């Protein structure tokens, strides 16, 4: 039995078992990433698809996904891999092979590697090892993450990460706890630290009946606007926010897609505090 310290759950994992994320296991009394180097998805994407709108716009990035996730969003669009154990459809790749592959695509506009599709931080060791090599090649590393990780994990990888898109799925602790099985305070702490040393953009998916009120958007953007750099200077108004439209998925097919007008209206609310607000899926 060993305790995983990657996220707030601190799962106690029996030898050979897995944590709540489905991707961390106990081997010889120590917690390791069972999904290390195991990939389920690989694509050369436009950087805007991450979404990152103010980080090397017009470029492409080699996007790679593994399996597992430490949140349980009922609307997950990648649930086939986020809730998988990786059996039957994951291939293995080393950090060296992935970094070299990224470099080979440089001539096609590739600027580096993006860890995305599932939750990358549950396998942070592979990110760390690959990002070091990617940096040596003069290329960039990007994370698309739910921000559900303890700060020591972030401290270990942030020297090698150039940009992140972090999901801020709601500004309600009850929603995080009851709907996502997550922890809002943990995600906020992750974002507060990340913005001090990394280009960060945030995404909020607007789900009808969950987080679509003007009040919640106002509270969320007030908090973003107050974020500070490592010198205590307020920088939050310049952090990009992507306000995205929900479509029925996975276990949340009990409601219609978000009304486009509602997405635009909430984006306008966000613009009262933030300089860069983008709408998605509209």
C-alpha atoms as a PDB file:
ATOM      1  CA  UNK A   1       0.000   0.000   0.000  1.00  0.00           C
ATOM      2  CA  UNK A   2       1.257   3.453  -0.915  1.00  0.00           C
ATOM      3  CA  UNK A   3      -0.223   6.950  -0.994  1.00  0.00           C
ATOM      4  CA  UNK A   4      -0.343   8.854  -4.285  1.00  0.00           C
ATOM      5  CA  UNK A   5       0.407  12.555  -3.881  1.00  0.00           C
ATOM      6  CA  UNK A   6      -0.340  13.766  -7.407  1.00  0.00           C
ATOM      7  CA  UNK A   7      -3.753  15.279  -6.621  1.00  0.00           C
ATOM      8  CA  UNK A   8      -5.934  16.206  -3.666  1.00  0.00           C
ATOM      9  CA  UNK A   9      -7.390  12.689  -3.453  1.00  0.00           C
ATOM     10  CA  UNK A  10      -4.206  11.161  -2.007  1.00  0.00           C
ATOM     11  CA  UNK A  11      -5.396   7.705  -3.033  1.00  0.00           C
ATOM     12  CA  UNK A  12      -4.149   4.780  -0.968  1.00  0.00           C
ATOM     13  CA  UNK A  13      -3.209   2.252  -3.642  1.00  0.00           C
ATOM     14  CA  UNK A  14      -2.657  -1.426  -2.928  1.00  0.00           C
ATOM     15  CA  UNK A  15       0.192  -3.272  -4.625  1.00  0.00           C
ATOM     16  CA  UNK A  16      -0.861  -3.808  -8.240  1.00  0.00           C
ATOM     17  CA  UNK A  17      -3.977  -1.662  -7.850  1.00  0.00           C
ATOM     18  CA  UNK A  18      -4.801   1.695  -9.396  1.00  0.00           C
ATOM     19  CA  UNK A  19      -5.919   5.048  -8.058  1.00  0.00           C
ATOM     20  CA  UNK A  20      -9.144   6.871  -8.870  1.00  0.00           C
ATOM     21  CA  UNK A  21      -7.566   8.227 -12.054  1.00  0.00           C
ATOM     22  CA  UNK A  22      -7.081   4.710 -13.404  1.00  0.00           C
ATOM     23  CA  UNK A  23      -3.497   5.447 -14.429  1.00  0.00           C
ATOM     24  CA  UNK A  24      -1.367   5.440 -11.286  1.00  0.00           C
ATOM     25  CA  UNK A  25      -0.434   2.162  -9.669  1.00  0.00           C
ATOM     26  CA  UNK A  26       1.633   0.741  -6.809  1.00  0.00           C
ATOM     27  CA  UNK A  27       4.751  -1.225  -7.744  1.00  0.00           C
ATOM     28  CA  UNK A  28       7.148  -2.528  -5.107  1.00  0.00           C
ATOM     29  CA  UNK A  29       5.555  -0.248  -2.544  1.00  0.00           C
ATOM     30  CA  UNK A  30       5.877   2.962  -4.577  1.00  0.00           C
ATOM     31  CA  UNK A  31       3.329   4.865  -6.676  1.00  0.00           C
ATOM     32  CA  UNK A  32       4.261   5.121 -10.351  1.00  0.00           C
ATOM     33  CA  UNK A  33       2.541   6.106 -13.589  1.00  0.00           C
ATOM     34  CA  UNK A  34       1.109   2.987 -15.195  1.00  0.00           C
ATOM     35  CA  UNK A  35       0.448   5.050 -18.330  1.00  0.00           C
ATOM     36  CA  UNK A  36       4.068   6.215 -18.723  1.00  0.00           C
ATOM     37  CA  UNK A  37       4.784   6.401 -22.453  1.00  0.00           C
ATOM     38  CA  UNK A  38       1.491   4.781 -23.384  1.00  0.00           C
ATOM     39  CA  UNK A  39      -0.347   6.874 -25.947  1.00  0.00           C
ATOM     40  CA  UNK A  40      -3.871   6.612 -27.277  1.00  0.00           C
ATOM     41  CA  UNK A  41      -3.952   9.659 -29.565  1.00  0.00           C
ATOM     42  CA  UNK A  42      -1.435  11.499 -31.731  1.00  0.00           C
ATOM     43  CA  UNK A  43      -2.163  14.368 -34.150  1.00  0.00           C
ATOM     44  CA  UNK A  44      -0.618  17.503 -35.598  1.00  0.00           C
ATOM     45  CA  UNK A  45      -3.135  20.175 -34.570  1.00  0.00           C
ATOM     46  CA  UNK A  46      -3.463  23.925 -35.017  1.00  0.00           C
ATOM     47  CA  UNK A  47      -2.378  25.576 -31.759  1.00  0.00           C
ATOM     48  CA  UNK A  48      -5.782  27.305 -31.633  1.00  0.00           C
ATOM     49  CA  UNK A  49      -7.437  23.898 -31.137  1.00  0.00           C
ATOM     50  CA  UNK A  50      -5.928  23.467 -27.662  1.00  0.00           C
ATOM     51  CA  UNK A  51      -7.327  26.204 -27.349  1.00  0.00           C
ATOM     52  CA  UNK A  52      -4.492  28.722 -27.211  1.00  0.00           C
ATOM     53  CA  UNK A  53      -5.192  31.997 -28.987  1.00  0.00           C
ATOM     54  CA  UNK A  54      -2.261  34.104 -27.823  1.00  0.00           C
ATOM     55  CA  UNK A  55       0.613  31.609 -27.952  1.00  0.00           C
ATOM     56  CA  UNK A  56       2.293  31.334 -31.355  1.00  0.00           C
ATOM     57  CA  UNK A  57      -0.963  31.839 -33.297  1.00  0.00           C
ATOM     58  CA  UNK A  58      -1.019  30.209 -36.717  1.00  0.00           C
ATOM     59  CA  UNK A  59       1.408  27.481 -35.714  1.00  0.00           C
ATOM     60  CA  UNK A  60       0.838  23.764 -35.261  1.00  0.00           C
ATOM     61  CA  UNK A  61       1.712  21.459 -32.403  1.00  0.00           C
ATOM     62  CA  UNK A  62       2.102  17.688 -32.097  1.00  0.00           C
ATOM     63  CA  UNK A  63      -0.677  16.656 -29.731  1.00  0.00           C
ATOM     64  CA  UNK A  64      -0.415  13.465 -27.709  1.00  0.00           C
ATOM     65  CA  UNK A  65      -2.815  11.787 -25.292  1.00  0.00           C
ATOM     66  CA  UNK A  66      -2.623   8.835 -22.954  1.00  0.00           C
ATOM     67  CA  UNK A  67      -5.439   7.423 -20.777  1.00  0.00           C
ATOM     68  CA  UNK A  68      -7.015   8.149 -17.399  1.00  0.00           C
ATOM     69  CA  UNK A  69      -8.300  11.242 -15.593  1.00  0.00           C
ATOM     70  CA  UNK A  70      -8.694  12.374 -11.994  1.00  0.00           C
ATOM     71  CA  UNK A  71     -12.002  14.168 -12.586  1.00  0.00           C
ATOM     72  CA  UNK A  72     -15.301  12.534 -13.460  1.00  0.00           C
ATOM     73  CA  UNK A  73     -17.036  15.068 -15.678  1.00  0.00           C
ATOM     74  CA  UNK A  74     -20.349  13.595 -16.892  1.00  0.00           C
ATOM     75  CA  UNK A  75     -20.024  15.600 -20.135  1.00  0.00           C
ATOM     76  CA  UNK A  76     -16.503  14.392 -21.053  1.00  0.00           C
ATOM     77  CA  UNK A  77     -15.977  14.337 -24.809  1.00  0.00           C
ATOM     78  CA  UNK A  78     -12.972  11.997 -24.512  1.00  0.00           C
ATOM     79  CA  UNK A  79     -14.437   9.512 -22.049  1.00  0.00           C
ATOM     80  CA  UNK A  80     -13.289   6.566 -24.174  1.00  0.00           C
ATOM     81  CA  UNK A  81      -9.726   7.289 -23.045  1.00  0.00           C
ATOM     82  CA  UNK A  82     -10.251   9.290 -19.846  1.00  0.00           C
ATOM     83  CA  UNK A  83     -12.137   6.399 -18.256  1.00  0.00           C
ATOM     84  CA  UNK A  84     -10.074   3.654 -19.889  1.00  0.00           C
ATOM     85  CA  UNK A  85      -7.303   1.492 -18.470  1.00  0.00           C
ATOM     86  CA  UNK A  86      -5.524   1.783 -21.812  1.00  0.00           C
ATOM     87  CA  UNK A  87      -5.838  -1.875 -22.666  1.00  0.00           C
ATOM     88  CA  UNK A  88      -6.354  -2.741 -26.299  1.00  0.00           C
ATOM     89  CA  UNK A  89      -5.590   0.595 -27.890  1.00  0.00           C
ATOM     90  CA  UNK A  90      -2.528   2.275 -26.395  1.00  0.00           C
ATOM     91  CA  UNK A  91       0.921   2.212 -28.010  1.00  0.00           C
ATOM     92  CA  UNK A  92       4.221   2.796 -26.254  1.00  0.00           C
ATOM     93  CA  UNK A  93       6.678   5.559 -27.038  1.00  0.00           C
ATOM     94  CA  UNK A  94       9.750   6.832 -25.212  1.00  0.00           C
ATOM     95  CA  UNK A  95      10.394  10.491 -24.407  1.00  0.00           C
ATOM     96  CA  UNK A  96      13.280  10.406 -26.886  1.00  0.00           C
ATOM     97  CA  UNK A  97      11.085   9.030 -29.669  1.00  0.00           C
ATOM     98  CA  UNK A  98       8.335  11.589 -29.042  1.00  0.00           C
ATOM     99  CA  UNK A  99      10.762  14.519 -28.946  1.00  0.00           C
ATOM    100  CA  UNK A 100      12.395  13.331 -32.168  1.00  0.00           C
ATOM    101  CA  UNK A 101       9.007  12.925 -33.824  1.00  0.00           C
ATOM    102  CA  UNK A 102       8.089  16.483 -32.869  1.00  0.00           C
ATOM    103  CA  UNK A 103      11.349  17.720 -34.354  1.00  0.00           C
ATOM    104  CA  UNK A 104      10.708  15.882 -37.628  1.00  0.00           C
ATOM    105  CA  UNK A 105       7.417  17.778 -37.988  1.00  0.00           C
ATOM    106  CA  UNK A 106       9.111  21.153 -37.489  1.00  0.00           C
ATOM    107  CA  UNK A 107       9.122  21.692 -41.254  1.00  0.00           C
ATOM    108  CA  UNK A 108       5.334  21.448 -41.250  1.00  0.00           C
ATOM    109  CA  UNK A 109       4.951  24.315 -38.805  1.00  0.00           C
ATOM    110  CA  UNK A 110       5.214  22.271 -35.601  1.00  0.00           C
ATOM    111  CA  UNK A 111       6.498  24.193 -32.576  1.00  0.00           C
ATOM    112  CA  UNK A 112       6.627  21.301 -30.088  1.00  0.00           C
ATOM    113  CA  UNK A 113       4.493  18.860 -28.116  1.00  0.00           C
ATOM    114  CA  UNK A 114       1.089  19.340 -26.460  1.00  0.00           C
ATOM    115  CA  UNK A 115      -0.028  16.867 -23.804  1.00  0.00           C
ATOM    116  CA  UNK A 116      -3.800  16.756 -24.135  1.00  0.00           C
ATOM    117  CA  UNK A 117      -6.942  14.630 -24.810  1.00  0.00           C
ATOM    118  CA  UNK A 118      -6.871  12.917 -21.383  1.00  0.00           C
ATOM    119  CA  UNK A 119      -5.560  14.487 -18.153  1.00  0.00           C
ATOM    120  CA  UNK A 120      -1.790  14.690 -18.659  1.00  0.00           C
ATOM    121  CA  UNK A 121      -0.756  15.472 -15.094  1.00  0.00           C
ATOM    122  CA  UNK A 122      -1.648  12.024 -13.785  1.00  0.00           C
ATOM    123  CA  UNK A 123       1.373  10.910 -15.802  1.00  0.00           C
ATOM    124  CA  UNK A 124       3.510  13.978 -15.083  1.00  0.00           C
ATOM    125  CA  UNK A 125       6.745  11.971 -15.087  1.00  0.00           C
ATOM    126  CA  UNK A 126       6.442  11.369 -18.836  1.00  0.00           C
ATOM    127  CA  UNK A 127       5.737  15.064 -19.399  1.00  0.00           C
ATOM    128  CA  UNK A 128       8.824  16.023 -17.367  1.00  0.00           C
ATOM    129  CA  UNK A 129      11.126  13.628 -19.174  1.00  0.00           C
ATOM    130  CA  UNK A 130       9.842  14.536 -22.633  1.00  0.00           C
ATOM    131  CA  UNK A 131       9.664  18.293 -22.050  1.00  0.00           C
ATOM    132  CA  UNK A 132      13.325  18.420 -21.051  1.00  0.00           C
ATOM    133  CA  UNK A 133      14.276  16.915 -24.422  1.00  0.00           C
ATOM    134  CA  UNK A 134      11.834  19.108 -26.333  1.00  0.00           C
ATOM    135  CA  UNK A 135      13.379  22.182 -24.701  1.00  0.00           C
ATOM    136  CA  UNK A 136      16.869  21.014 -25.705  1.00  0.00           C
ATOM    137  CA  UNK A 137      15.655  20.880 -29.308  1.00  0.00           C
ATOM    138  CA  UNK A 138      14.519  24.500 -29.111  1.00  0.00           C
ATOM    139  CA  UNK A 139      10.827  23.611 -29.181  1.00  0.00           C
ATOM    140  CA  UNK A 140       7.846  24.207 -26.882  1.00  0.00           C
ATOM    141  CA  UNK A 141       5.813  22.090 -24.459  1.00  0.00           C
ATOM    142  CA  UNK A 142       2.115  22.752 -23.881  1.00  0.00           C
ATOM    143  CA  UNK A 143      -0.316  21.230 -21.376  1.00  0.00           C
ATOM    144  CA  UNK A 144      -4.083  21.055 -21.700  1.00  0.00           C
ATOM    145  CA  UNK A 145      -5.126  20.206 -18.160  1.00  0.00           C
ATOM    146  CA  UNK A 146      -7.894  20.335 -15.581  1.00  0.00           C
ATOM    147  CA  UNK A 147      -5.408  21.774 -13.075  1.00  0.00           C
ATOM    148  CA  UNK A 148      -6.185  19.077 -10.515  1.00  0.00           C
ATOM    149  CA  UNK A 149      -2.687  18.474  -9.209  1.00  0.00           C
ATOM    150  CA  UNK A 150      -0.791  19.284  -6.067  1.00  0.00           C
ATOM    151  CA  UNK A 151       1.727  22.123  -6.243  1.00  0.00           C
ATOM    152  CA  UNK A 152       4.866  19.940  -5.845  1.00  0.00           C
ATOM    153  CA  UNK A 153       3.893  18.223  -9.117  1.00  0.00           C
ATOM    154  CA  UNK A 154       3.570  21.600 -10.815  1.00  0.00           C
ATOM    155  CA  UNK A 155       6.906  22.761  -9.393  1.00  0.00           C
ATOM    156  CA  UNK A 156       8.618  19.712 -10.887  1.00  0.00           C
ATOM    157  CA  UNK A 157       7.404  20.313 -14.434  1.00  0.00           C
ATOM    158  CA  UNK A 158       6.852  24.057 -14.761  1.00  0.00           C
ATOM    159  CA  UNK A 159      10.513  24.851 -15.562  1.00  0.00           C
ATOM    160  CA  UNK A 160      10.029  22.908 -18.805  1.00  0.00           C
ATOM    161  CA  UNK A 161       6.457  23.923 -19.742  1.00  0.00           C
ATOM    162  CA  UNK A 162       5.887  26.939 -21.960  1.00  0.00           C
ATOM    163  CA  UNK A 163       2.087  27.248 -22.047  1.00  0.00           C
ATOM    164  CA  UNK A 164      -1.034  25.756 -20.535  1.00  0.00           C
ATOM    165  CA  UNK A 165      -4.719  25.825 -21.186  1.00  0.00           C
ATOM    166  CA  UNK A 166      -6.370  25.077 -17.855  1.00  0.00           C
ATOM    167  CA  UNK A 167     -10.035  24.193 -17.458  1.00  0.00           C
ATOM    168  CA  UNK A 168     -11.826  26.274 -14.847  1.00  0.00           C
ATOM    169  CA  UNK A 169     -15.016  24.278 -15.120  1.00  0.00           C
ATOM    170  CA  UNK A 170     -17.077  26.199 -12.597  1.00  0.00           C
ATOM    171  CA  UNK A 171     -16.664  28.690  -9.794  1.00  0.00           C
ATOM    172  CA  UNK A 172     -18.798  26.652  -7.414  1.00  0.00           C
ATOM    173  CA  UNK A 173     -17.182  24.326  -4.895  1.00  0.00           C
ATOM    174  CA  UNK A 174     -20.427  22.335  -4.769  1.00  0.00           C
ATOM    175  CA  UNK A 175     -20.328  21.773  -8.537  1.00  0.00           C
ATOM    176  CA  UNK A 176     -16.715  20.663  -8.386  1.00  0.00           C
ATOM    177  CA  UNK A 177     -17.440  18.324  -5.485  1.00  0.00           C
ATOM    178  CA  UNK A 178     -20.814  16.879  -6.505  1.00  0.00           C
ATOM    179  CA  UNK A 179     -20.728  16.928 -10.325  1.00  0.00           C
ATOM    180  CA  UNK A 180     -17.044  16.661 -11.226  1.00  0.00           C
ATOM    181  CA  UNK A 181     -15.837  14.842  -8.084  1.00  0.00           C
ATOM    182  CA  UNK A 182     -13.102  17.441  -7.891  1.00  0.00           C
ATOM    183  CA  UNK A 183     -11.853  20.240  -5.670  1.00  0.00           C
ATOM    184  CA  UNK A 184     -12.153  23.887  -6.717  1.00  0.00           C
ATOM    185  CA  UNK A 185      -9.646  25.130  -4.134  1.00  0.00           C
ATOM    186  CA  UNK A 186      -6.997  22.792  -5.536  1.00  0.00           C
ATOM    187  CA  UNK A 187      -7.602  23.987  -9.100  1.00  0.00           C
ATOM    188  CA  UNK A 188      -7.513  27.650  -8.062  1.00  0.00           C
ATOM    189  CA  UNK A 189      -4.206  27.127  -6.251  1.00  0.00           C
ATOM    190  CA  UNK A 190      -2.781  25.431  -9.351  1.00  0.00           C
ATOM    191  CA  UNK A 191      -3.822  28.335 -11.575  1.00  0.00           C
ATOM    192  CA  UNK A 192      -2.497  30.935  -9.123  1.00  0.00           C
ATOM    193  CA  UNK A 193       0.930  29.284  -9.220  1.00  0.00           C
ATOM    194  CA  UNK A 194       0.980  28.515 -12.956  1.00  0.00           C
ATOM    195  CA  UNK A 195       0.387  32.108 -14.069  1.00  0.00           C
ATOM    196  CA  UNK A 196       3.558  33.238 -12.313  1.00  0.00           C
ATOM    197  CA  UNK A 197       5.917  31.304 -14.596  1.00  0.00           C
ATOM    198  CA  UNK A 198       3.969  30.196 -17.653  1.00  0.00           C
ATOM    199  CA  UNK A 199       1.719  31.465 -20.420  1.00  0.00           C
ATOM    200  CA  UNK A 200      -1.766  30.450 -19.212  1.00  0.00           C
ATOM    201  CA  UNK A 201      -5.124  30.563 -20.942  1.00  0.00           C
ATOM    202  CA  UNK A 202      -8.299  29.350 -19.241  1.00  0.00           C
ATOM    203  CA  UNK A 203     -11.387  27.575 -20.576  1.00  0.00           C
ATOM    204  CA  UNK A 204     -14.882  27.444 -19.108  1.00  0.00           C
ATOM    205  CA  UNK A 205     -17.420  25.170 -20.785  1.00  0.00           C
ATOM    206  CA  UNK A 206     -20.893  26.638 -20.284  1.00  0.00           C
ATOM    207  CA  UNK A 207     -23.247  23.823 -19.288  1.00  0.00           C
ATOM    208  CA  UNK A 208     -26.959  24.710 -19.052  1.00  0.00           C
ATOM    209  CA  UNK A 209     -28.162  24.542 -15.478  1.00  0.00           C
ATOM    210  CA  UNK A 210     -24.674  23.966 -14.092  1.00  0.00           C
ATOM    211  CA  UNK A 211     -22.559  27.109 -14.491  1.00  0.00           C
ATOM    212  CA  UNK A 212     -24.476  29.356 -16.888  1.00  0.00           C
ATOM    213  CA  UNK A 213     -25.530  32.163 -14.562  1.00  0.00           C
ATOM    214  CA  UNK A 214     -24.344  35.752 -14.899  1.00  0.00           C
ATOM    215  CA  UNK A 215     -23.556  35.714 -11.181  1.00  0.00           C
ATOM    216  CA  UNK A 216     -21.156  32.777 -11.479  1.00  0.00           C
ATOM    217  CA  UNK A 217     -19.424  34.195 -14.550  1.00  0.00           C
ATOM    218  CA  UNK A 218     -19.010  37.513 -12.759  1.00  0.00           C
ATOM    219  CA  UNK A 219     -17.464  35.824  -9.730  1.00  0.00           C
ATOM    220  CA  UNK A 220     -15.201  33.678 -11.908  1.00  0.00           C
ATOM    221  CA  UNK A 221     -13.891  36.617 -13.917  1.00  0.00           C
ATOM    222  CA  UNK A 222     -13.475  38.817 -10.836  1.00  0.00           C
ATOM    223  CA  UNK A 223     -11.182  36.127  -9.442  1.00  0.00           C
ATOM    224  CA  UNK A 224      -9.215  35.767 -12.698  1.00  0.00           C
ATOM    225  CA  UNK A 225      -8.786  39.541 -12.943  1.00  0.00           C
ATOM    226  CA  UNK A 226      -7.193  39.586  -9.497  1.00  0.00           C
ATOM    227  CA  UNK A 227      -4.447  37.035 -10.256  1.00  0.00           C
ATOM    228  CA  UNK A 228      -0.892  38.266  -9.694  1.00  0.00           C
ATOM    229  CA  UNK A 229       2.617  37.580 -10.945  1.00  0.00           C
ATOM    230  CA  UNK A 230       5.491  36.552  -8.679  1.00  0.00           C
ATOM    231  CA  UNK A 231       6.168  40.216  -7.832  1.00  0.00           C
ATOM    232  CA  UNK A 232       2.620  40.767  -6.657  1.00  0.00           C
ATOM    233  CA  UNK A 233       1.579  42.757  -9.704  1.00  0.00           C
ATOM    234  CA  UNK A 234      -1.990  42.204 -10.846  1.00  0.00           C
ATOM    235  CA  UNK A 235      -1.957  40.521 -14.273  1.00  0.00           C
ATOM    236  CA  UNK A 236      -5.300  38.735 -14.387  1.00  0.00           C
ATOM    237  CA  UNK A 237      -7.070  41.066 -16.782  1.00  0.00           C
ATOM    238  CA  UNK A 238      -4.616  39.985 -19.486  1.00  0.00           C
ATOM    239  CA  UNK A 239      -5.194  36.244 -19.045  1.00  0.00           C
ATOM    240  CA  UNK A 240      -7.224  34.883 -21.984  1.00  0.00           C
ATOM    241  CA  UNK A 241     -10.515  33.132 -21.201  1.00  0.00           C
ATOM    242  CA  UNK A 242     -12.229  30.789 -23.639  1.00  0.00           C
ATOM    243  CA  UNK A 243     -15.996  30.566 -23.068  1.00  0.00           C
ATOM    244  CA  UNK A 244     -17.179  27.416 -24.812  1.00  0.00           C
ATOM    245  CA  UNK A 245     -20.511  25.933 -25.831  1.00  0.00           C
ATOM    246  CA  UNK A 246     -21.617  22.600 -24.350  1.00  0.00           C
ATOM    247  CA  UNK A 247     -22.990  19.740 -26.438  1.00  0.00           C
ATOM    248  CA  UNK A 248     -24.697  16.675 -24.909  1.00  0.00           C
ATOM    249  CA  UNK A 249     -22.049  13.986 -24.308  1.00  0.00           C
ATOM    250  CA  UNK A 250     -21.326  10.840 -22.331  1.00  0.00           C
ATOM    251  CA  UNK A 251     -23.563  10.805 -19.229  1.00  0.00           C
ATOM    252  CA  UNK A 252     -24.980  14.293 -19.656  1.00  0.00           C
ATOM    253  CA  UNK A 253     -27.505  13.911 -22.468  1.00  0.00           C
ATOM    254  CA  UNK A 254     -30.372  15.181 -20.349  1.00  0.00           C
ATOM    255  CA  UNK A 255     -30.118  18.746 -21.675  1.00  0.00           C
ATOM    256  CA  UNK A 256     -29.790  20.586 -24.944  1.00  0.00           C
ATOM    257  CA  UNK A 257     -26.636  22.208 -26.288  1.00  0.00           C
ATOM    258  CA  UNK A 258     -25.978  25.626 -24.797  1.00  0.00           C
ATOM    259  CA  UNK A 259     -27.822  28.387 -26.579  1.00  0.00           C
ATOM    260  CA  UNK A 260     -25.315  30.327 -28.690  1.00  0.00           C
ATOM    261  CA  UNK A 261     -26.755  33.640 -27.532  1.00  0.00           C
ATOM    262  CA  UNK A 262     -26.154  32.594 -23.922  1.00  0.00           C
ATOM    263  CA  UNK A 263     -22.494  31.874 -24.649  1.00  0.00           C
ATOM    264  CA  UNK A 264     -22.079  35.284 -26.299  1.00  0.00           C
ATOM    265  CA  UNK A 265     -23.856  37.005 -23.409  1.00  0.00           C
ATOM    266  CA  UNK A 266     -21.611  35.371 -20.806  1.00  0.00           C
ATOM    267  CA  UNK A 267     -18.551  36.259 -22.880  1.00  0.00           C
ATOM    268  CA  UNK A 268     -19.701  39.879 -22.750  1.00  0.00           C
ATOM    269  CA  UNK A 269     -19.956  39.602 -18.964  1.00  0.00           C
ATOM    270  CA  UNK A 270     -16.381  38.310 -18.881  1.00  0.00           C
ATOM    271  CA  UNK A 271     -15.180  41.195 -21.058  1.00  0.00           C
ATOM    272  CA  UNK A 272     -16.100  43.640 -18.329  1.00  0.00           C
ATOM    273  CA  UNK A 273     -13.043  42.404 -16.419  1.00  0.00           C
ATOM    274  CA  UNK A 274     -10.862  40.582 -18.958  1.00  0.00           C
ATOM    275  CA  UNK A 275      -9.151  41.916 -22.064  1.00  0.00           C
ATOM    276  CA  UNK A 276      -9.046  38.689 -24.083  1.00  0.00           C
ATOM    277  CA  UNK A 277     -12.254  36.644 -24.170  1.00  0.00           C
ATOM    278  CA  UNK A 278     -12.948  34.105 -26.916  1.00  0.00           C
ATOM    279  CA  UNK A 279     -16.013  32.017 -27.686  1.00  0.00           C
ATOM    280  CA  UNK A 280     -15.749  28.393 -28.785  1.00  0.00           C
ATOM    281  CA  UNK A 281     -17.947  25.709 -30.371  1.00  0.00           C
ATOM    282  CA  UNK A 282     -20.406  28.360 -31.537  1.00  0.00           C
END
